[in-house]
Amino acid sequence: MRQDCDTGSASDGGPRERAFGKLGLDSSAPSTRLLVASDPCPVIVSNEGSGSPLLLLGDHAGRAIPASLDRLGLTDEALDRHIAWDIGVAGLGRALSADLGSAFIRQAYSRLVIDCNRRPEAPGSIVMVSDGTVVPGNADLDDEARARRLAEIYQPYQAAIGDWLDANLARRPILVSLHSFTPSMNGKDRPWSLGVLHRGDSPFSDAVLGLLRDRMGEAVGDNEPYRMDSTDNTVPLQADPRGLDYLELEVRQDLLDNKKAEQAMSALLGPVLLQALAQVRPQPV
């Protein structure tokens, strides 16, 4: 049985949130589970009962580490870096959720524990090295340790997305997967402010790309700074079997470095998302 951890409005007056997905603990026997009572629940949902067809996602929005993993052997400095989370995505997603009235489902745990945007069997699911940083707590994991991370962190998150989509399938939801990227990588500056990632099969992505480029020109990357490819997991897993449209959006992290910046980015992106939605789903006259 899975349990809620917390309910209610966010402390800063943002959209109502629910945290859930943790397996109930059996106090009659020693727990072999990864998460303990003091650990946060893996799934956080804002505006769960939204009437909007846009579902916002934050695969890498969180940076929590289960207490039993002892910070994966990493320093505070390492856990503050982009290797642990997509900086600014939680705040951006919550701002967009409030501005658009859309649901926002995000993962509370760090991508270094298990990456929810990678297939569980893929090499990138649990990494031993990330951008040159060794992750001691991911070395020499046995099958049981991997299975715990899969069952207690990855699966509740993906199940929450699937359940929301199935409950709202009649309105043909569109997945909007939010990510952020570093201003430079491997000593090279990245000139883009935003990036639209797609596989050439998404009318909504095409509409968003066109609208953003009308405003910002080449500062908006087309499959830059990454390409959407076979390593991606959430969109193929959730959108494809249901025949749903999608958008994977990358935002440069220095444009999300404080709450004011997150709100400003939401003010830019929100109208674009609504205009793109109107383009791909024109209302009958």
C-alpha atoms as a PDB file:
ATOM      1  CA  MET A   1       0.000   0.000   0.000  1.00  0.00           C
ATOM      2  CA  ARG A   2       1.232   3.464  -0.880  1.00  0.00           C
ATOM      3  CA  GLN A   3       0.529   6.434   1.340  1.00  0.00           C
ATOM      4  CA  ASP A   4       0.210  10.192   1.219  1.00  0.00           C
ATOM      5  CA  CYS A   5       2.959  12.122   2.975  1.00  0.00           C
ATOM      6  CA  ASP A   6       1.390  15.549   3.010  1.00  0.00           C
ATOM      7  CA  THR A   7      -1.533  17.490   1.620  1.00  0.00           C
ATOM      8  CA  GLY A   8      -2.461  21.116   1.373  1.00  0.00           C
ATOM      9  CA  SER A   9      -1.445  24.353  -0.189  1.00  0.00           C
ATOM     10  CA  ALA A  10       2.184  25.228  -0.712  1.00  0.00           C
ATOM     11  CA  SER A  11       3.714  27.364   2.014  1.00  0.00           C
ATOM     12  CA  ASP A  12       4.276  30.268  -0.375  1.00  0.00           C
ATOM     13  CA  GLY A  13       0.657  30.416  -1.473  1.00  0.00           C
ATOM     14  CA  GLY A  14       1.249  28.537  -4.730  1.00  0.00           C
ATOM     15  CA  PRO A  15      -0.989  25.830  -6.184  1.00  0.00           C
ATOM     16  CA  ARG A  16      -2.349  23.109  -3.923  1.00  0.00           C
ATOM     17  CA  GLU A  17       0.042  20.174  -3.728  1.00  0.00           C
ATOM     18  CA  ARG A  18      -0.089  16.527  -2.715  1.00  0.00           C
ATOM     19  CA  ALA A  19       2.945  14.378  -1.975  1.00  0.00           C
ATOM     20  CA  PHE A  20       2.497  10.619  -2.168  1.00  0.00           C
ATOM     21  CA  GLY A  21       3.849   7.330  -3.466  1.00  0.00           C
ATOM     22  CA  LYS A  22       5.737   5.978  -0.462  1.00  0.00           C
ATOM     23  CA  LEU A  23       5.155   2.335   0.444  1.00  0.00           C
ATOM     24  CA  GLY A  24       3.521   1.920   3.844  1.00  0.00           C
ATOM     25  CA  LEU A  25       5.963   0.650   6.455  1.00  0.00           C
ATOM     26  CA  ASP A  26       5.294  -2.561   8.399  1.00  0.00           C
ATOM     27  CA  SER A  27       6.459  -1.809  11.944  1.00  0.00           C
ATOM     28  CA  SER A  28       6.177  -5.441  13.003  1.00  0.00           C
ATOM     29  CA  ALA A  29       9.297  -6.453  11.078  1.00  0.00           C
ATOM     30  CA  PRO A  30      12.636  -4.845  10.243  1.00  0.00           C
ATOM     31  CA  SER A  31      12.268  -2.835   7.064  1.00  0.00           C
ATOM     32  CA  THR A  32      14.359  -3.771   4.063  1.00  0.00           C
ATOM     33  CA  ARG A  33      12.962  -0.832   2.157  1.00  0.00           C
ATOM     34  CA  LEU A  34      14.927   2.072   0.797  1.00  0.00           C
ATOM     35  CA  LEU A  35      12.716   4.875   2.117  1.00  0.00           C
ATOM     36  CA  VAL A  36      12.077   5.363   5.823  1.00  0.00           C
ATOM     37  CA  ALA A  37       9.414   7.383   7.604  1.00  0.00           C
ATOM     38  CA  SER A  38      11.529  10.546   7.667  1.00  0.00           C
ATOM     39  CA  ASP A  39      12.167  10.479   3.908  1.00  0.00           C
ATOM     40  CA  PRO A  40       9.931  12.554   1.630  1.00  0.00           C
ATOM     41  CA  CYS A  41       7.410  10.886  -0.620  1.00  0.00           C
ATOM     42  CA  PRO A  42       8.714  10.484  -4.182  1.00  0.00           C
ATOM     43  CA  VAL A  43       5.822  12.110  -6.045  1.00  0.00           C
ATOM     44  CA  ILE A  44       4.572  15.689  -5.702  1.00  0.00           C
ATOM     45  CA  VAL A  45       1.550  16.890  -7.666  1.00  0.00           C
ATOM     46  CA  SER A  46       0.348  20.480  -7.974  1.00  0.00           C
ATOM     47  CA  ASN A  47      -3.193  21.279  -9.193  1.00  0.00           C
ATOM     48  CA  GLU A  48      -4.032  17.585  -9.400  1.00  0.00           C
ATOM     49  CA  GLY A  49      -7.669  18.242 -10.307  1.00  0.00           C
ATOM     50  CA  SER A  50      -6.834  20.661 -13.106  1.00  0.00           C
ATOM     51  CA  GLY A  51      -9.138  20.962 -16.085  1.00  0.00           C
ATOM     52  CA  SER A  52      -6.289  21.890 -18.439  1.00  0.00           C
ATOM     53  CA  PRO A  53      -5.162  19.373 -21.074  1.00  0.00           C
ATOM     54  CA  LEU A  54      -1.516  20.368 -20.461  1.00  0.00           C
ATOM     55  CA  LEU A  55       0.278  18.068 -18.015  1.00  0.00           C
ATOM     56  CA  LEU A  56       3.555  19.544 -16.764  1.00  0.00           C
ATOM     57  CA  LEU A  57       6.288  17.093 -15.742  1.00  0.00           C
ATOM     58  CA  GLY A  58       9.511  17.405 -13.767  1.00  0.00           C
ATOM     59  CA  ASP A  59      11.499  14.178 -14.144  1.00  0.00           C
ATOM     60  CA  HIS A  60      14.589  15.793 -12.596  1.00  0.00           C
ATOM     61  CA  ALA A  61      12.977  18.522 -10.482  1.00  0.00           C
ATOM     62  CA  GLY A  62      13.997  17.089  -7.098  1.00  0.00           C
ATOM     63  CA  ARG A  63      17.292  16.534  -5.338  1.00  0.00           C
ATOM     64  CA  ALA A  64      16.364  14.555  -2.225  1.00  0.00           C
ATOM     65  CA  ILE A  65      18.542  11.581  -1.280  1.00  0.00           C
ATOM     66  CA  PRO A  66      17.131   8.747   0.869  1.00  0.00           C
ATOM     67  CA  ALA A  67      18.645   8.847   4.355  1.00  0.00           C
ATOM     68  CA  SER A  68      19.792   5.247   4.017  1.00  0.00           C
ATOM     69  CA  LEU A  69      22.025   6.176   1.060  1.00  0.00           C
ATOM     70  CA  ASP A  70      24.105   8.633   3.134  1.00  0.00           C
ATOM     71  CA  ARG A  71      24.057  11.358   0.468  1.00  0.00           C
ATOM     72  CA  LEU A  72      25.514   8.859  -2.026  1.00  0.00           C
ATOM     73  CA  GLY A  73      28.913   9.804  -0.585  1.00  0.00           C
ATOM     74  CA  LEU A  74      28.749  13.269  -2.178  1.00  0.00           C
ATOM     75  CA  THR A  75      29.449  16.744  -0.803  1.00  0.00           C
ATOM     76  CA  ASP A  76      26.935  19.579  -0.489  1.00  0.00           C
ATOM     77  CA  GLU A  77      28.668  21.284  -3.393  1.00  0.00           C
ATOM     78  CA  ALA A  78      28.190  18.272  -5.656  1.00  0.00           C
ATOM     79  CA  LEU A  79      24.537  17.874  -4.692  1.00  0.00           C
ATOM     80  CA  ASP A  80      23.885  21.532  -5.491  1.00  0.00           C
ATOM     81  CA  ARG A  81      25.174  21.077  -9.048  1.00  0.00           C
ATOM     82  CA  HIS A  82      23.242  20.206 -12.170  1.00  0.00           C
ATOM     83  CA  ILE A  83      24.373  16.597 -11.890  1.00  0.00           C
ATOM     84  CA  ALA A  84      21.889  16.083  -9.052  1.00  0.00           C
ATOM     85  CA  TRP A  85      18.840  17.896 -10.428  1.00  0.00           C
ATOM     86  CA  ASP A  86      17.456  20.194 -13.090  1.00  0.00           C
ATOM     87  CA  ILE A  87      18.010  23.533 -11.375  1.00  0.00           C
ATOM     88  CA  GLY A  88      14.939  25.770 -11.353  1.00  0.00           C
ATOM     89  CA  VAL A  89      12.473  23.271 -12.815  1.00  0.00           C
ATOM     90  CA  ALA A  90      10.476  22.756  -9.617  1.00  0.00           C
ATOM     91  CA  GLY A  91       9.909  26.494  -9.276  1.00  0.00           C
ATOM     92  CA  LEU A  92       9.189  26.986 -12.973  1.00  0.00           C
ATOM     93  CA  GLY A  93       6.743  24.099 -13.012  1.00  0.00           C
ATOM     94  CA  ARG A  94       4.894  25.393  -9.978  1.00  0.00           C
ATOM     95  CA  ALA A  95       4.719  28.881 -11.481  1.00  0.00           C
ATOM     96  CA  LEU A  96       3.357  27.516 -14.766  1.00  0.00           C
ATOM     97  CA  SER A  97       0.929  25.303 -12.853  1.00  0.00           C
ATOM     98  CA  ALA A  98      -0.445  28.394 -11.125  1.00  0.00           C
ATOM     99  CA  ASP A  99      -0.438  30.583 -14.240  1.00  0.00           C
ATOM    100  CA  LEU A 100      -2.033  28.002 -16.546  1.00  0.00           C
ATOM    101  CA  GLY A 101      -4.153  26.084 -14.053  1.00  0.00           C
ATOM    102  CA  SER A 102      -2.347  22.926 -15.188  1.00  0.00           C
ATOM    103  CA  ALA A 103      -1.345  19.876 -13.187  1.00  0.00           C
ATOM    104  CA  PHE A 104       2.382  19.508 -12.471  1.00  0.00           C
ATOM    105  CA  ILE A 105       3.819  16.129 -11.471  1.00  0.00           C
ATOM    106  CA  ARG A 106       7.397  16.133 -10.270  1.00  0.00           C
ATOM    107  CA  GLN A 107       9.911  13.714  -8.797  1.00  0.00           C
ATOM    108  CA  ALA A 108      11.210  14.610  -5.330  1.00  0.00           C
ATOM    109  CA  TYR A 109      14.399  12.520  -5.527  1.00  0.00           C
ATOM    110  CA  SER A 110      17.658  13.253  -7.286  1.00  0.00           C
ATOM    111  CA  ARG A 111      18.362  11.844 -10.708  1.00  0.00           C
ATOM    112  CA  LEU A 112      21.540  10.420  -9.136  1.00  0.00           C
ATOM    113  CA  VAL A 113      19.435   7.982  -7.098  1.00  0.00           C
ATOM    114  CA  ILE A 114      17.629   6.810 -10.224  1.00  0.00           C
ATOM    115  CA  ASP A 115      16.904   8.751 -13.406  1.00  0.00           C
ATOM    116  CA  CYS A 116      13.188   8.735 -14.169  1.00  0.00           C
ATOM    117  CA  ASN A 117      13.839   9.804 -17.773  1.00  0.00           C
ATOM    118  CA  ARG A 118      15.886   6.703 -18.522  1.00  0.00           C
ATOM    119  CA  ARG A 119      14.662   3.164 -18.996  1.00  0.00           C
ATOM    120  CA  PRO A 120      15.437   1.114 -15.877  1.00  0.00           C
ATOM    121  CA  GLU A 121      17.627  -1.275 -17.851  1.00  0.00           C
ATOM    122  CA  ALA A 122      19.587   1.519 -19.559  1.00  0.00           C
ATOM    123  CA  PRO A 123      23.174   2.318 -18.484  1.00  0.00           C
ATOM    124  CA  GLY A 124      22.146   5.887 -17.615  1.00  0.00           C
ATOM    125  CA  SER A 125      19.464   4.797 -15.161  1.00  0.00           C
ATOM    126  CA  ILE A 126      21.853   4.764 -12.168  1.00  0.00           C
ATOM    127  CA  VAL A 127      25.154   6.417 -13.035  1.00  0.00           C
ATOM    128  CA  MET A 128      28.515   5.875 -11.376  1.00  0.00           C
ATOM    129  CA  VAL A 129      30.026   9.051 -12.886  1.00  0.00           C
ATOM    130  CA  SER A 130      28.183  12.258 -13.844  1.00  0.00           C
ATOM    131  CA  ASP A 131      29.942  15.128 -15.642  1.00  0.00           C
ATOM    132  CA  GLY A 132      33.271  14.006 -14.214  1.00  0.00           C
ATOM    133  CA  THR A 133      32.011  13.493 -10.647  1.00  0.00           C
ATOM    134  CA  VAL A 134      32.235   9.978  -9.226  1.00  0.00           C
ATOM    135  CA  VAL A 135      29.113   8.901  -7.309  1.00  0.00           C
ATOM    136  CA  PRO A 136      30.417   6.522  -4.605  1.00  0.00           C
ATOM    137  CA  GLY A 137      26.952   5.454  -3.472  1.00  0.00           C
ATOM    138  CA  ASN A 138      26.157   4.046  -6.913  1.00  0.00           C
ATOM    139  CA  ALA A 139      29.173   1.748  -7.138  1.00  0.00           C
ATOM    140  CA  ASP A 140      28.782  -2.024  -7.020  1.00  0.00           C
ATOM    141  CA  LEU A 141      25.016  -2.045  -6.528  1.00  0.00           C
ATOM    142  CA  ASP A 142      23.463  -5.486  -6.362  1.00  0.00           C
ATOM    143  CA  ASP A 143      20.160  -6.394  -7.994  1.00  0.00           C
ATOM    144  CA  GLU A 144      18.220  -5.916  -4.757  1.00  0.00           C
ATOM    145  CA  ALA A 145      19.521  -2.379  -4.241  1.00  0.00           C
ATOM    146  CA  ARG A 146      18.614  -1.447  -7.803  1.00  0.00           C
ATOM    147  CA  ALA A 147      15.184  -3.033  -7.434  1.00  0.00           C
ATOM    148  CA  ARG A 148      14.460  -0.933  -4.334  1.00  0.00           C
ATOM    149  CA  ARG A 149      15.216   2.296  -6.149  1.00  0.00           C
ATOM    150  CA  LEU A 150      13.068   1.183  -9.060  1.00  0.00           C
ATOM    151  CA  ALA A 151      10.117   0.138  -6.886  1.00  0.00           C
ATOM    152  CA  GLU A 152      10.160   3.008  -4.417  1.00  0.00           C
ATOM    153  CA  ILE A 153      11.193   6.014  -6.523  1.00  0.00           C
ATOM    154  CA  TYR A 154      10.916   5.410 -10.270  1.00  0.00           C
ATOM    155  CA  GLN A 155       7.725   3.347 -10.393  1.00  0.00           C
ATOM    156  CA  PRO A 156       5.549   5.581  -8.166  1.00  0.00           C
ATOM    157  CA  TYR A 157       6.466   8.590 -10.299  1.00  0.00           C
ATOM    158  CA  GLN A 158       5.723   6.940 -13.629  1.00  0.00           C
ATOM    159  CA  ALA A 159       2.567   5.353 -12.193  1.00  0.00           C
ATOM    160  CA  ALA A 160       1.327   8.772 -11.069  1.00  0.00           C
ATOM    161  CA  ILE A 161       1.792  10.140 -14.586  1.00  0.00           C
ATOM    162  CA  GLY A 162       0.037   7.168 -16.150  1.00  0.00           C
ATOM    163  CA  ASP A 163      -2.857   7.326 -13.690  1.00  0.00           C
ATOM    164  CA  TRP A 164      -3.382  11.050 -14.334  1.00  0.00           C
ATOM    165  CA  LEU A 165      -3.292  10.569 -18.095  1.00  0.00           C
ATOM    166  CA  ASP A 166      -5.749   7.672 -17.988  1.00  0.00           C
ATOM    167  CA  ALA A 167      -8.134   9.606 -15.741  1.00  0.00           C
ATOM    168  CA  ASN A 168      -8.061  12.571 -18.136  1.00  0.00           C
ATOM    169  CA  LEU A 169      -7.715  10.770 -21.458  1.00  0.00           C
ATOM    170  CA  ALA A 170     -10.994  12.137 -22.802  1.00  0.00           C
ATOM    171  CA  ARG A 171      -9.483  15.623 -23.028  1.00  0.00           C
ATOM    172  CA  ARG A 172      -6.448  14.318 -24.983  1.00  0.00           C
ATOM    173  CA  PRO A 173      -3.704  15.537 -22.641  1.00  0.00           C
ATOM    174  CA  ILE A 174      -0.438  16.967 -23.941  1.00  0.00           C
ATOM    175  CA  LEU A 175       2.709  16.170 -21.974  1.00  0.00           C
ATOM    176  CA  VAL A 176       5.000  19.135 -21.289  1.00  0.00           C
ATOM    177  CA  SER A 177       8.256  17.760 -19.896  1.00  0.00           C
ATOM    178  CA  LEU A 178      10.345  20.507 -18.271  1.00  0.00           C
ATOM    179  CA  HIS A 179      14.144  20.349 -18.028  1.00  0.00           C
ATOM    180  CA  SER A 180      17.029  22.770 -17.554  1.00  0.00           C
ATOM    181  CA  PHE A 181      20.577  22.832 -18.913  1.00  0.00           C
ATOM    182  CA  THR A 182      23.910  24.365 -17.931  1.00  0.00           C
ATOM    183  CA  PRO A 183      25.091  27.556 -19.708  1.00  0.00           C
ATOM    184  CA  SER A 184      28.311  25.753 -20.678  1.00  0.00           C
ATOM    185  CA  MET A 185      29.445  22.160 -21.018  1.00  0.00           C
ATOM    186  CA  ASN A 186      32.929  20.760 -21.542  1.00  0.00           C
ATOM    187  CA  GLY A 187      34.341  24.281 -21.745  1.00  0.00           C
ATOM    188  CA  LYS A 188      31.953  25.396 -24.495  1.00  0.00           C
ATOM    189  CA  ASP A 189      29.277  28.050 -24.039  1.00  0.00           C
ATOM    190  CA  ARG A 190      25.753  27.187 -25.091  1.00  0.00           C
ATOM    191  CA  PRO A 191      24.172  30.095 -26.972  1.00  0.00           C
ATOM    192  CA  TRP A 192      20.564  28.996 -26.544  1.00  0.00           C
ATOM    193  CA  SER A 193      18.190  30.344 -23.922  1.00  0.00           C
ATOM    194  CA  LEU A 194      15.617  27.625 -24.568  1.00  0.00           C
ATOM    195  CA  GLY A 195      15.519  24.357 -26.444  1.00  0.00           C
ATOM    196  CA  VAL A 196      12.596  22.444 -27.945  1.00  0.00           C
ATOM    197  CA  LEU A 197      13.299  18.714 -28.148  1.00  0.00           C
ATOM    198  CA  HIS A 198      11.204  16.478 -30.363  1.00  0.00           C
ATOM    199  CA  ARG A 199      11.315  13.606 -32.857  1.00  0.00           C
ATOM    200  CA  GLY A 200       9.649  15.386 -35.769  1.00  0.00           C
ATOM    201  CA  ASP A 201       6.268  13.883 -34.883  1.00  0.00           C
ATOM    202  CA  SER A 202       4.783  16.512 -32.558  1.00  0.00           C
ATOM    203  CA  PRO A 203       2.483  19.268 -33.859  1.00  0.00           C
ATOM    204  CA  PHE A 204       2.505  20.904 -30.422  1.00  0.00           C
ATOM    205  CA  SER A 205       6.314  21.006 -30.309  1.00  0.00           C
ATOM    206  CA  ASP A 206       6.389  22.502 -33.812  1.00  0.00           C
ATOM    207  CA  ALA A 207       3.910  25.188 -32.782  1.00  0.00           C
ATOM    208  CA  VAL A 208       5.846  26.070 -29.619  1.00  0.00           C
ATOM    209  CA  LEU A 209       9.145  26.199 -31.526  1.00  0.00           C
ATOM    210  CA  GLY A 210       7.687  28.528 -34.148  1.00  0.00           C
ATOM    211  CA  LEU A 211       6.127  30.859 -31.591  1.00  0.00           C
ATOM    212  CA  LEU A 212       9.270  31.046 -29.477  1.00  0.00           C
ATOM    213  CA  ARG A 213      11.462  31.707 -32.504  1.00  0.00           C
ATOM    214  CA  ASP A 214       9.108  34.494 -33.579  1.00  0.00           C
ATOM    215  CA  ARG A 215       9.916  36.132 -30.246  1.00  0.00           C
ATOM    216  CA  MET A 216      13.520  35.102 -29.641  1.00  0.00           C
ATOM    217  CA  GLY A 217      15.009  33.960 -32.949  1.00  0.00           C
ATOM    218  CA  GLU A 218      17.939  31.545 -32.899  1.00  0.00           C
ATOM    219  CA  ALA A 219      18.191  31.802 -29.105  1.00  0.00           C
ATOM    220  CA  VAL A 220      15.666  28.966 -29.190  1.00  0.00           C
ATOM    221  CA  GLY A 221      17.299  25.685 -30.124  1.00  0.00           C
ATOM    222  CA  ASP A 222      15.651  23.102 -32.360  1.00  0.00           C
ATOM    223  CA  ASN A 223      16.772  19.837 -30.746  1.00  0.00           C
ATOM    224  CA  GLU A 224      19.495  21.834 -28.990  1.00  0.00           C
ATOM    225  CA  PRO A 225      21.364  21.589 -26.661  1.00  0.00           C
ATOM    226  CA  TYR A 226      20.186  17.967 -26.753  1.00  0.00           C
ATOM    227  CA  ARG A 227      18.298  15.822 -29.195  1.00  0.00           C
ATOM    228  CA  MET A 228      15.308  13.770 -28.206  1.00  0.00           C
ATOM    229  CA  ASP A 229      16.433  10.219 -28.888  1.00  0.00           C
ATOM    230  CA  SER A 230      16.215   6.628 -27.716  1.00  0.00           C
ATOM    231  CA  THR A 231      17.687   7.488 -24.311  1.00  0.00           C
ATOM    232  CA  ASP A 232      14.542   9.457 -23.382  1.00  0.00           C
ATOM    233  CA  ASN A 233      12.002   7.529 -21.379  1.00  0.00           C
ATOM    234  CA  THR A 234       9.015   9.470 -20.057  1.00  0.00           C
ATOM    235  CA  VAL A 235       7.572  10.707 -23.360  1.00  0.00           C
ATOM    236  CA  PRO A 236       7.902   7.352 -25.182  1.00  0.00           C
ATOM    237  CA  LEU A 237       6.597   5.485 -22.125  1.00  0.00           C
ATOM    238  CA  GLN A 238       3.615   7.702 -21.402  1.00  0.00           C
ATOM    239  CA  ALA A 239       2.640   9.595 -24.555  1.00  0.00           C
ATOM    240  CA  ASP A 240       3.304   7.090 -27.316  1.00  0.00           C
ATOM    241  CA  PRO A 241       1.074   4.177 -26.187  1.00  0.00           C
ATOM    242  CA  ARG A 242      -1.797   6.606 -25.655  1.00  0.00           C
ATOM    243  CA  GLY A 243      -1.280   8.452 -28.947  1.00  0.00           C
ATOM    244  CA  LEU A 244      -0.693  11.768 -27.176  1.00  0.00           C
ATOM    245  CA  ASP A 245       1.210  14.860 -28.266  1.00  0.00           C
ATOM    246  CA  TYR A 246       4.124  16.171 -26.232  1.00  0.00           C
ATOM    247  CA  LEU A 247       6.742  18.852 -25.717  1.00  0.00           C
ATOM    248  CA  GLU A 248      10.154  18.449 -24.097  1.00  0.00           C
ATOM    249  CA  LEU A 249      11.375  21.905 -23.156  1.00  0.00           C
ATOM    250  CA  GLU A 250      14.879  22.838 -21.985  1.00  0.00           C
ATOM    251  CA  VAL A 251      15.556  26.146 -20.184  1.00  0.00           C
ATOM    252  CA  ARG A 252      19.054  27.466 -19.495  1.00  0.00           C
ATOM    253  CA  GLN A 253      19.685  27.319 -15.778  1.00  0.00           C
ATOM    254  CA  ASP A 254      20.939  30.872 -15.315  1.00  0.00           C
ATOM    255  CA  LEU A 255      17.484  32.009 -16.446  1.00  0.00           C
ATOM    256  CA  LEU A 256      15.962  30.125 -13.497  1.00  0.00           C
ATOM    257  CA  ASP A 257      18.375  31.046 -10.715  1.00  0.00           C
ATOM    258  CA  ASN A 258      15.834  32.604  -8.336  1.00  0.00           C
ATOM    259  CA  LYS A 259      12.097  32.764  -7.757  1.00  0.00           C
ATOM    260  CA  LYS A 260      11.675  36.033  -9.642  1.00  0.00           C
ATOM    261  CA  ALA A 261      13.435  34.525 -12.666  1.00  0.00           C
ATOM    262  CA  GLU A 262      11.249  31.411 -12.491  1.00  0.00           C
ATOM    263  CA  GLN A 263       8.123  33.559 -12.466  1.00  0.00           C
ATOM    264  CA  ALA A 264       9.422  35.681 -15.347  1.00  0.00           C
ATOM    265  CA  MET A 265      10.084  32.553 -17.404  1.00  0.00           C
ATOM    266  CA  SER A 266       6.587  31.309 -16.617  1.00  0.00           C
ATOM    267  CA  ALA A 267       5.197  34.654 -17.782  1.00  0.00           C
ATOM    268  CA  LEU A 268       7.072  34.181 -21.079  1.00  0.00           C
ATOM    269  CA  LEU A 269       6.251  30.524 -21.630  1.00  0.00           C
ATOM    270  CA  GLY A 270       2.666  30.404 -20.385  1.00  0.00           C
ATOM    271  CA  PRO A 271       1.093  32.477 -23.187  1.00  0.00           C
ATOM    272  CA  VAL A 272       3.190  30.614 -25.768  1.00  0.00           C
ATOM    273  CA  LEU A 273       1.929  27.250 -24.530  1.00  0.00           C
ATOM    274  CA  LEU A 274      -1.663  28.468 -24.632  1.00  0.00           C
ATOM    275  CA  GLN A 275      -1.244  29.934 -28.121  1.00  0.00           C
ATOM    276  CA  ALA A 276       0.339  26.696 -29.349  1.00  0.00           C
ATOM    277  CA  LEU A 277      -2.540  24.748 -27.838  1.00  0.00           C
ATOM    278  CA  ALA A 278      -5.008  26.965 -29.695  1.00  0.00           C
ATOM    279  CA  GLN A 279      -3.107  26.378 -32.948  1.00  0.00           C
ATOM    280  CA  VAL A 280      -3.182  22.596 -32.720  1.00  0.00           C
ATOM    281  CA  ARG A 281      -6.721  22.506 -31.308  1.00  0.00           C
ATOM    282  CA  PRO A 282      -8.676  25.382 -32.829  1.00  0.00           C
ATOM    283  CA  GLN A 283     -12.059  25.946 -31.237  1.00  0.00           C
ATOM    284  CA  PRO A 284     -15.097  25.486 -33.495  1.00  0.00           C
ATOM    285  CA  VAL A 285     -16.711  28.744 -34.602  1.00  0.00           C
END
